[in-house]
């Protein structure tokens, strides 16, 4: 159904990286994830739904940034920590 979180990272030189991807979130996760991403300089580029009547209601949040790789990795970790994703 296309409901997996996607995170793409590409080095851009000088310790920087470009990141893009999307989170699949429930309504309760949307605002905490936005705050975590923005706090770490990661832009939210889109927020929308792909389906009409799914339960629970799911939102797709796309993001993008090009900055210090460690800072961005910390931001992605902070955002993931705001989701109900299982840690292994």
PDB file of N, CA and C in Angstrom:
ATOM      1  N   UNK A   1       0.801  -1.201   0.000  1.00  0.00           N
ATOM      2  CA  UNK A   1       0.000   0.000   0.000  1.00  0.00           C
ATOM      3  C   UNK A   1       0.842   1.262   0.000  1.00  0.00           C
ATOM      4  N   UNK A   2       2.142   1.140   0.077  1.00  0.00           N
ATOM      5  CA  UNK A   2       2.977   2.332   0.066  1.00  0.00           C
ATOM      6  C   UNK A   2       2.912   3.122   1.351  1.00  0.00           C
ATOM      7  N   UNK A   3       2.991   2.451   2.481  1.00  0.00           N
ATOM      8  CA  UNK A   3       2.908   3.152   3.763  1.00  0.00           C
ATOM      9  C   UNK A   3       4.184   3.004   4.586  1.00  0.00           C
ATOM     10  N   UNK A   4       5.323   2.949   3.926  1.00  0.00           N
ATOM     11  CA  UNK A   4       6.604   2.861   4.617  1.00  0.00           C
ATOM     12  C   UNK A   4       7.269   4.233   4.676  1.00  0.00           C
ATOM     13  N   UNK A   5       7.986   4.483   5.758  1.00  0.00           N
ATOM     14  CA  UNK A   5       8.783   5.701   5.866  1.00  0.00           C
ATOM     15  C   UNK A   5       9.989   5.554   4.943  1.00  0.00           C
ATOM     16  N   UNK A   6      10.264   6.601   4.157  1.00  0.00           N
ATOM     17  CA  UNK A   6      11.409   6.588   3.247  1.00  0.00           C
ATOM     18  C   UNK A   6      12.362   7.714   3.627  1.00  0.00           C
ATOM     19  N   UNK A   7      13.638   7.375   3.797  1.00  0.00           N
ATOM     20  CA  UNK A   7      14.664   8.369   4.113  1.00  0.00           C
ATOM     21  C   UNK A   7      15.826   8.158   3.152  1.00  0.00           C
ATOM     22  N   UNK A   8      16.165   9.206   2.415  1.00  0.00           N
ATOM     23  CA  UNK A   8      17.268   9.159   1.451  1.00  0.00           C
ATOM     24  C   UNK A   8      18.328  10.171   1.859  1.00  0.00           C
ATOM     25  N   UNK A   9      19.590   9.731   1.847  1.00  0.00           N
ATOM     26  CA  UNK A   9      20.706  10.585   2.249  1.00  0.00           C
ATOM     27  C   UNK A   9      21.795  10.483   1.187  1.00  0.00           C
ATOM     28  N   UNK A  10      22.303  11.640   0.740  1.00  0.00           N
ATOM     29  CA  UNK A  10      23.396  11.655  -0.232  1.00  0.00           C
ATOM     30  C   UNK A  10      24.436  12.678   0.204  1.00  0.00           C
ATOM     31  N   UNK A  11      25.701  12.267   0.332  1.00  0.00           N
ATOM     32  CA  UNK A  11      26.754  13.229   0.674  1.00  0.00           C
ATOM     33  C   UNK A  11      26.874  14.303  -0.412  1.00  0.00           C
ATOM     34  N   UNK A  12      27.073  15.546   0.019  1.00  0.00           N
ATOM     35  CA  UNK A  12      27.255  16.646  -0.938  1.00  0.00           C
ATOM     36  C   UNK A  12      28.617  17.313  -0.770  1.00  0.00           C
ATOM     37  N   UNK A  13      29.469  16.757   0.074  1.00  0.00           N
ATOM     38  CA  UNK A  13      30.828  17.262   0.241  1.00  0.00           C
ATOM     39  C   UNK A  13      30.975  18.161   1.447  1.00  0.00           C
ATOM     40  N   UNK A  14      32.170  18.207   1.985  1.00  0.00           N
ATOM     41  CA  UNK A  14      32.477  19.073   3.116  1.00  0.00           C
ATOM     42  C   UNK A  14      31.705  18.749   4.381  1.00  0.00           C
ATOM     43  N   UNK A  15      31.362  17.482   4.580  1.00  0.00           N
ATOM     44  CA  UNK A  15      30.622  17.081   5.773  1.00  0.00           C
ATOM     45  C   UNK A  15      29.132  17.331   5.678  1.00  0.00           C
ATOM     46  N   UNK A  16      28.680  17.745   4.514  1.00  0.00           N
ATOM     47  CA  UNK A  16      27.251  18.009   4.329  1.00  0.00           C
ATOM     48  C   UNK A  16      26.579  16.850   3.600  1.00  0.00           C
ATOM     49  N   UNK A  17      25.261  16.825   3.719  1.00  0.00           N
ATOM     50  CA  UNK A  17      24.469  15.817   3.020  1.00  0.00           C
ATOM     51  C   UNK A  17      23.133  16.427   2.627  1.00  0.00           C
ATOM     52  N   UNK A  18      22.588  15.906   1.542  1.00  0.00           N
ATOM     53  CA  UNK A  18      21.225  16.244   1.144  1.00  0.00           C
ATOM     54  C   UNK A  18      20.342  15.096   1.601  1.00  0.00           C
ATOM     55  N   UNK A  19      19.213  15.438   2.197  1.00  0.00           N
ATOM     56  CA  UNK A  19      18.264  14.411   2.628  1.00  0.00           C
ATOM     57  C   UNK A  19      16.895  14.731   2.053  1.00  0.00           C
ATOM     58  N   UNK A  20      16.150  13.694   1.786  1.00  0.00           N
ATOM     59  CA  UNK A  20      14.767  13.829   1.351  1.00  0.00           C
ATOM     60  C   UNK A  20      14.049  12.533   1.704  1.00  0.00           C
ATOM     61  N   UNK A  21      12.742  12.590   1.699  1.00  0.00           N
ATOM     62  CA  UNK A  21      11.969  11.397   2.001  1.00  0.00           C
ATOM     63  C   UNK A  21      10.602  11.770   2.518  1.00  0.00           C
ATOM     64  N   UNK A  22       9.947  10.779   3.114  1.00  0.00           N
ATOM     65  CA  UNK A  22       8.649  11.070   3.699  1.00  0.00           C
ATOM     66  C   UNK A  22       8.355  10.150   4.874  1.00  0.00           C
ATOM     67  N   UNK A  23       7.605  10.699   5.790  1.00  0.00           N
ATOM     68  CA  UNK A  23       7.113   9.966   6.949  1.00  0.00           C
ATOM     69  C   UNK A  23       5.651   9.631   6.714  1.00  0.00           C
ATOM     70  N   UNK A  24       5.224   8.472   7.183  1.00  0.00           N
ATOM     71  CA  UNK A  24       3.811   8.116   7.199  1.00  0.00           C
ATOM     72  C   UNK A  24       3.393   8.208   8.661  1.00  0.00           C
ATOM     73  N   UNK A  25       2.425   9.107   8.939  1.00  0.00           N
ATOM     74  CA  UNK A  25       2.111   9.465  10.317  1.00  0.00           C
ATOM     75  C   UNK A  25       0.623   9.403  10.612  1.00  0.00           C
ATOM     76  N   UNK A  26       0.308   9.147  11.870  1.00  0.00           N
ATOM     77  CA  UNK A  26      -1.059   9.334  12.336  1.00  0.00           C
ATOM     78  C   UNK A  26      -1.223  10.812  12.698  1.00  0.00           C
ATOM     79  N   UNK A  27      -2.447  11.245  12.869  1.00  0.00           N
ATOM     80  CA  UNK A  27      -2.713  12.652  13.163  1.00  0.00           C
ATOM     81  C   UNK A  27      -1.970  13.122  14.410  1.00  0.00           C
ATOM     82  N   UNK A  28      -1.886  12.286  15.434  1.00  0.00           N
ATOM     83  CA  UNK A  28      -1.212  12.670  16.682  1.00  0.00           C
ATOM     84  C   UNK A  28       0.294  12.849  16.504  1.00  0.00           C
ATOM     85  N   UNK A  29       0.867  12.250  15.476  1.00  0.00           N
ATOM     86  CA  UNK A  29       2.307  12.339  15.256  1.00  0.00           C
ATOM     87  C   UNK A  29       2.717  13.544  14.407  1.00  0.00           C
ATOM     88  N   UNK A  30       1.781  14.124  13.653  1.00  0.00           N
ATOM     89  CA  UNK A  30       2.120  15.160  12.675  1.00  0.00           C
ATOM     90  C   UNK A  30       2.836  16.353  13.303  1.00  0.00           C
ATOM     91  N   UNK A  31       2.235  17.029  14.261  1.00  0.00           N
ATOM     92  CA  UNK A  31       2.848  18.235  14.821  1.00  0.00           C
ATOM     93  C   UNK A  31       4.163  17.970  15.547  1.00  0.00           C
ATOM     94  N   UNK A  32       4.281  16.916  16.367  1.00  0.00           N
ATOM     95  CA  UNK A  32       5.585  16.653  16.991  1.00  0.00           C
ATOM     96  C   UNK A  32       6.702  16.375  15.979  1.00  0.00           C
ATOM     97  N   UNK A  33       6.391  15.687  14.886  1.00  0.00           N
ATOM     98  CA  UNK A  33       7.406  15.407  13.864  1.00  0.00           C
ATOM     99  C   UNK A  33       7.788  16.691  13.130  1.00  0.00           C
ATOM    100  N   UNK A  34       6.801  17.527  12.795  1.00  0.00           N
ATOM    101  CA  UNK A  34       7.111  18.819  12.165  1.00  0.00           C
ATOM    102  C   UNK A  34       8.060  19.619  13.052  1.00  0.00           C
ATOM    103  N   UNK A  35       7.771  19.709  14.327  1.00  0.00           N
ATOM    104  CA  UNK A  35       8.605  20.471  15.260  1.00  0.00           C
ATOM    105  C   UNK A  35      10.021  19.901  15.319  1.00  0.00           C
ATOM    106  N   UNK A  36      10.148  18.581  15.386  1.00  0.00           N
ATOM    107  CA  UNK A  36      11.474  17.959  15.446  1.00  0.00           C
ATOM    108  C   UNK A  36      12.273  18.243  14.174  1.00  0.00           C
ATOM    109  N   UNK A  37      11.630  18.142  13.020  1.00  0.00           N
ATOM    110  CA  UNK A  37      12.335  18.404  11.763  1.00  0.00           C
ATOM    111  C   UNK A  37      12.760  19.860  11.672  1.00  0.00           C
ATOM    112  N   UNK A  38      11.849  20.781  11.899  1.00  0.00           N
ATOM    113  CA  UNK A  38      12.153  22.210  11.775  1.00  0.00           C
ATOM    114  C   UNK A  38      13.210  22.663  12.772  1.00  0.00           C
ATOM    115  N   UNK A  39      13.197  22.092  13.969  1.00  0.00           N
ATOM    116  CA  UNK A  39      14.191  22.430  14.986  1.00  0.00           C
ATOM    117  C   UNK A  39      15.602  22.110  14.501  1.00  0.00           C
ATOM    118  N   UNK A  40      15.722  21.123  13.635  1.00  0.00           N
ATOM    119  CA  UNK A  40      17.028  20.695  13.120  1.00  0.00           C
ATOM    120  C   UNK A  40      17.287  21.190  11.698  1.00  0.00           C
ATOM    121  N   UNK A  41      16.536  22.187  11.258  1.00  0.00           N
ATOM    122  CA  UNK A  41      16.782  22.800   9.956  1.00  0.00           C
ATOM    123  C   UNK A  41      16.309  21.994   8.766  1.00  0.00           C
ATOM    124  N   UNK A  42      15.367  21.083   8.989  1.00  0.00           N
ATOM    125  CA  UNK A  42      14.836  20.247   7.913  1.00  0.00           C
ATOM    126  C   UNK A  42      13.471  20.805   7.505  1.00  0.00           C
ATOM    127  N   UNK A  43      13.322  21.101   6.217  1.00  0.00           N
ATOM    128  CA  UNK A  43      12.079  21.675   5.706  1.00  0.00           C
ATOM    129  C   UNK A  43      11.028  20.608   5.461  1.00  0.00           C
ATOM    130  N   UNK A  44       9.795  20.911   5.859  1.00  0.00           N
ATOM    131  CA  UNK A  44       8.653  20.080   5.489  1.00  0.00           C
ATOM    132  C   UNK A  44       8.144  20.645   4.170  1.00  0.00           C
ATOM    133  N   UNK A  45       8.162  19.826   3.119  1.00  0.00           N
ATOM    134  CA  UNK A  45       7.801  20.311   1.788  1.00  0.00           C
ATOM    135  C   UNK A  45       6.381  19.955   1.384  1.00  0.00           C
ATOM    136  N   UNK A  46       5.762  19.007   2.061  1.00  0.00           N
ATOM    137  CA  UNK A  46       4.373  18.649   1.752  1.00  0.00           C
ATOM    138  C   UNK A  46       3.788  17.832   2.885  1.00  0.00           C
ATOM    139  N   UNK A  47       2.496  17.978   3.070  1.00  0.00           N
ATOM    140  CA  UNK A  47       1.744  17.161   4.025  1.00  0.00           C
ATOM    141  C   UNK A  47       0.398  16.874   3.378  1.00  0.00           C
ATOM    142  N   UNK A  48       0.103  15.590   3.166  1.00  0.00           N
ATOM    143  CA  UNK A  48      -1.147  15.227   2.501  1.00  0.00           C
ATOM    144  C   UNK A  48      -1.516  13.788   2.830  1.00  0.00           C
ATOM    145  N   UNK A  49      -2.682  13.391   2.352  1.00  0.00           N
ATOM    146  CA  UNK A  49      -3.154  12.022   2.514  1.00  0.00           C
ATOM    147  C   UNK A  49      -3.248  11.365   1.147  1.00  0.00           C
ATOM    148  N   UNK A  50      -3.030  10.070   1.077  1.00  0.00           N
ATOM    149  CA  UNK A  50      -3.118   9.332  -0.185  1.00  0.00           C
ATOM    150  C   UNK A  50      -4.432   8.580  -0.315  1.00  0.00           C
ATOM    151  N   UNK A  51      -5.122   8.365   0.793  1.00  0.00           N
ATOM    152  CA  UNK A  51      -6.305   7.516   0.790  1.00  0.00           C
ATOM    153  C   UNK A  51      -7.516   8.277   1.332  1.00  0.00           C
ATOM    154  N   UNK A  52      -8.682   7.697   1.197  1.00  0.00           N
ATOM    155  CA  UNK A  52      -9.902   8.386   1.607  1.00  0.00           C
ATOM    156  C   UNK A  52     -10.473   7.907   2.935  1.00  0.00           C
ATOM    157  N   UNK A  53     -10.541   6.605   3.135  1.00  0.00           N
ATOM    158  CA  UNK A  53     -11.249   6.075   4.301  1.00  0.00           C
ATOM    159  C   UNK A  53     -10.421   5.137   5.165  1.00  0.00           C
ATOM    160  N   UNK A  54      -9.097   5.265   5.128  1.00  0.00           N
ATOM    161  CA  UNK A  54      -8.270   4.344   5.904  1.00  0.00           C
ATOM    162  C   UNK A  54      -8.440   4.610   7.395  1.00  0.00           C
ATOM    163  N   UNK A  55      -8.262   3.577   8.190  1.00  0.00           N
ATOM    164  CA  UNK A  55      -8.291   3.694   9.639  1.00  0.00           C
ATOM    165  C   UNK A  55      -7.088   2.952  10.189  1.00  0.00           C
ATOM    166  N   UNK A  56      -6.233   3.569  10.956  1.00  0.00           N
ATOM    167  CA  UNK A  56      -6.315   4.983  11.330  1.00  0.00           C
ATOM    168  C   UNK A  56      -5.992   5.884  10.130  1.00  0.00           C
ATOM    169  N   UNK A  57      -6.387   7.133  10.223  1.00  0.00           N
ATOM    170  CA  UNK A  57      -6.123   8.126   9.186  1.00  0.00           C
ATOM    171  C   UNK A  57      -4.620   8.330   9.099  1.00  0.00           C
ATOM    172  N   UNK A  58      -4.049   8.291   7.885  1.00  0.00           N
ATOM    173  CA  UNK A  58      -2.607   8.430   7.699  1.00  0.00           C
ATOM    174  C   UNK A  58      -2.281   9.683   6.894  1.00  0.00           C
ATOM    175  N   UNK A  59      -1.184  10.336   7.284  1.00  0.00           N
ATOM    176  CA  UNK A  59      -0.706  11.534   6.601  1.00  0.00           C
ATOM    177  C   UNK A  59       0.722  11.289   6.127  1.00  0.00           C
ATOM    178  N   UNK A  60       1.038  11.809   4.952  1.00  0.00           N
ATOM    179  CA  UNK A  60       2.358  11.656   4.362  1.00  0.00           C
ATOM    180  C   UNK A  60       3.062  13.006   4.413  1.00  0.00           C
ATOM    181  N   UNK A  61       4.179  13.057   5.139  1.00  0.00           N
ATOM    182  CA  UNK A  61       4.931  14.294   5.324  1.00  0.00           C
ATOM    183  C   UNK A  61       6.268  14.170   4.590  1.00  0.00           C
ATOM    184  N   UNK A  62       6.455  14.981   3.566  1.00  0.00           N
ATOM    185  CA  UNK A  62       7.690  14.990   2.795  1.00  0.00           C
ATOM    186  C   UNK A  62       8.644  16.048   3.364  1.00  0.00           C
ATOM    187  N   UNK A  63       9.937  15.758   3.304  1.00  0.00           N
ATOM    188  CA  UNK A  63      10.932  16.679   3.867  1.00  0.00           C
ATOM    189  C   UNK A  63      12.142  16.771   2.956  1.00  0.00           C
ATOM    190  N   UNK A  64      12.948  17.835   3.173  1.00  0.00           N
ATOM    191  CA  UNK A  64      14.162  18.048   2.396  1.00  0.00           C
ATOM    192  C   UNK A  64      15.095  18.970   3.167  1.00  0.00           C
ATOM    193  N   UNK A  65      16.406  18.743   3.026  1.00  0.00           N
ATOM    194  CA  UNK A  65      17.420  19.647   3.587  1.00  0.00           C
ATOM    195  C   UNK A  65      18.773  19.335   2.957  1.00  0.00           C
ATOM    196  N   UNK A  66      19.669  20.309   3.004  1.00  0.00           N
ATOM    197  CA  UNK A  66      21.070  20.126   2.604  1.00  0.00           C
ATOM    198  C   UNK A  66      21.894  20.904   3.625  1.00  0.00           C
ATOM    199  N   UNK A  67      22.531  20.177   4.541  1.00  0.00           N
ATOM    200  CA  UNK A  67      23.227  20.820   5.656  1.00  0.00           C
ATOM    201  C   UNK A  67      24.242  19.835   6.224  1.00  0.00           C
ATOM    202  N   UNK A  68      24.785  20.164   7.385  1.00  0.00           N
ATOM    203  CA  UNK A  68      25.720  19.303   8.084  1.00  0.00           C
ATOM    204  C   UNK A  68      25.100  17.915   8.283  1.00  0.00           C
ATOM    205  N   UNK A  69      25.810  16.878   7.846  1.00  0.00           N
ATOM    206  CA  UNK A  69      25.271  15.514   7.870  1.00  0.00           C
ATOM    207  C   UNK A  69      24.900  15.054   9.277  1.00  0.00           C
ATOM    208  N   UNK A  70      25.725  15.364  10.264  1.00  0.00           N
ATOM    209  CA  UNK A  70      25.447  14.934  11.635  1.00  0.00           C
ATOM    210  C   UNK A  70      24.205  15.655  12.168  1.00  0.00           C
ATOM    211  N   UNK A  71      24.101  16.951  11.914  1.00  0.00           N
ATOM    212  CA  UNK A  71      22.928  17.721  12.346  1.00  0.00           C
ATOM    213  C   UNK A  71      21.647  17.137  11.741  1.00  0.00           C
ATOM    214  N   UNK A  72      21.692  16.800  10.455  1.00  0.00           N
ATOM    215  CA  UNK A  72      20.513  16.251   9.801  1.00  0.00           C
ATOM    216  C   UNK A  72      20.174  14.861  10.334  1.00  0.00           C
ATOM    217  N   UNK A  73      21.201  14.037  10.570  1.00  0.00           N
ATOM    218  CA  UNK A  73      20.955  12.704  11.138  1.00  0.00           C
ATOM    219  C   UNK A  73      20.315  12.820  12.514  1.00  0.00           C
ATOM    220  N   UNK A  74      20.783  13.774  13.312  1.00  0.00           N
ATOM    221  CA  UNK A  74      20.182  13.997  14.632  1.00  0.00           C
ATOM    222  C   UNK A  74      18.727  14.443  14.492  1.00  0.00           C
ATOM    223  N   UNK A  75      18.447  15.270  13.492  1.00  0.00           N
ATOM    224  CA  UNK A  75      17.079  15.717  13.255  1.00  0.00           C
ATOM    225  C   UNK A  75      16.163  14.585  12.833  1.00  0.00           C
ATOM    226  N   UNK A  76      16.660  13.719  11.965  1.00  0.00           N
ATOM    227  CA  UNK A  76      15.854  12.572  11.554  1.00  0.00           C
ATOM    228  C   UNK A  76      15.605  11.632  12.725  1.00  0.00           C
ATOM    229  N   UNK A  77      16.618  11.432  13.570  1.00  0.00           N
ATOM    230  CA  UNK A  77      16.437  10.589  14.756  1.00  0.00           C
ATOM    231  C   UNK A  77      15.395  11.199  15.693  1.00  0.00           C
ATOM    232  N   UNK A  78      15.460  12.520  15.885  1.00  0.00           N
ATOM    233  CA  UNK A  78      14.492  13.203  16.749  1.00  0.00           C
ATOM    234  C   UNK A  78      13.077  13.055  16.194  1.00  0.00           C
ATOM    235  N   UNK A  79      12.941  13.163  14.872  1.00  0.00           N
ATOM    236  CA  UNK A  79      11.619  13.010  14.250  1.00  0.00           C
ATOM    237  C   UNK A  79      11.118  11.577  14.393  1.00  0.00           C
ATOM    238  N   UNK A  80      11.987  10.608  14.142  1.00  0.00           N
ATOM    239  CA  UNK A  80      11.590   9.204  14.296  1.00  0.00           C
ATOM    240  C   UNK A  80      11.164   8.901  15.722  1.00  0.00           C
ATOM    241  N   UNK A  81      11.837   9.537  16.688  1.00  0.00           N
ATOM    242  CA  UNK A  81      11.488   9.322  18.094  1.00  0.00           C
ATOM    243  C   UNK A  81      10.092   9.840  18.437  1.00  0.00           C
ATOM    244  N   UNK A  82       9.522  10.687  17.602  1.00  0.00           N
ATOM    245  CA  UNK A  82       8.174  11.221  17.823  1.00  0.00           C
ATOM    246  C   UNK A  82       7.099  10.356  17.180  1.00  0.00           C
ATOM    247  N   UNK A  83       7.516   9.259  16.560  1.00  0.00           N
ATOM    248  CA  UNK A  83       6.564   8.346  15.910  1.00  0.00           C
ATOM    249  C   UNK A  83       6.416   7.083  16.758  1.00  0.00           C
ATOM    250  N   UNK A  84       5.455   6.276  16.360  1.00  0.00           N
ATOM    251  CA  UNK A  84       5.248   4.992  17.049  1.00  0.00           C
ATOM    252  C   UNK A  84       6.045   3.875  16.373  1.00  0.00           C
ATOM    253  N   UNK A  85       7.063   4.241  15.586  1.00  0.00           N
ATOM    254  CA  UNK A  85       7.894   3.245  14.908  1.00  0.00           C
ATOM    255  C   UNK A  85       8.578   2.358  15.935  1.00  0.00           C
ATOM    256  N   UNK A  86       8.707   1.094  15.595  1.00  0.00           N
ATOM    257  CA  UNK A  86       9.376   0.130  16.469  1.00  0.00           C
ATOM    258  C   UNK A  86      10.879   0.294  16.345  1.00  0.00           C
ATOM    259  N   UNK A  87      11.563   0.369  17.482  1.00  0.00           N
ATOM    260  CA  UNK A  87      13.020   0.448  17.484  1.00  0.00           C
ATOM    261  C   UNK A  87      13.585  -0.955  17.626  1.00  0.00           C
ATOM    262  N   UNK A  88      14.641  -1.249  16.858  1.00  0.00           N
ATOM    263  CA  UNK A  88      15.253  -2.569  16.992  1.00  0.00           C
ATOM    264  C   UNK A  88      16.660  -2.433  17.503  1.00  0.00           C
TER     265      UNK A  88
END
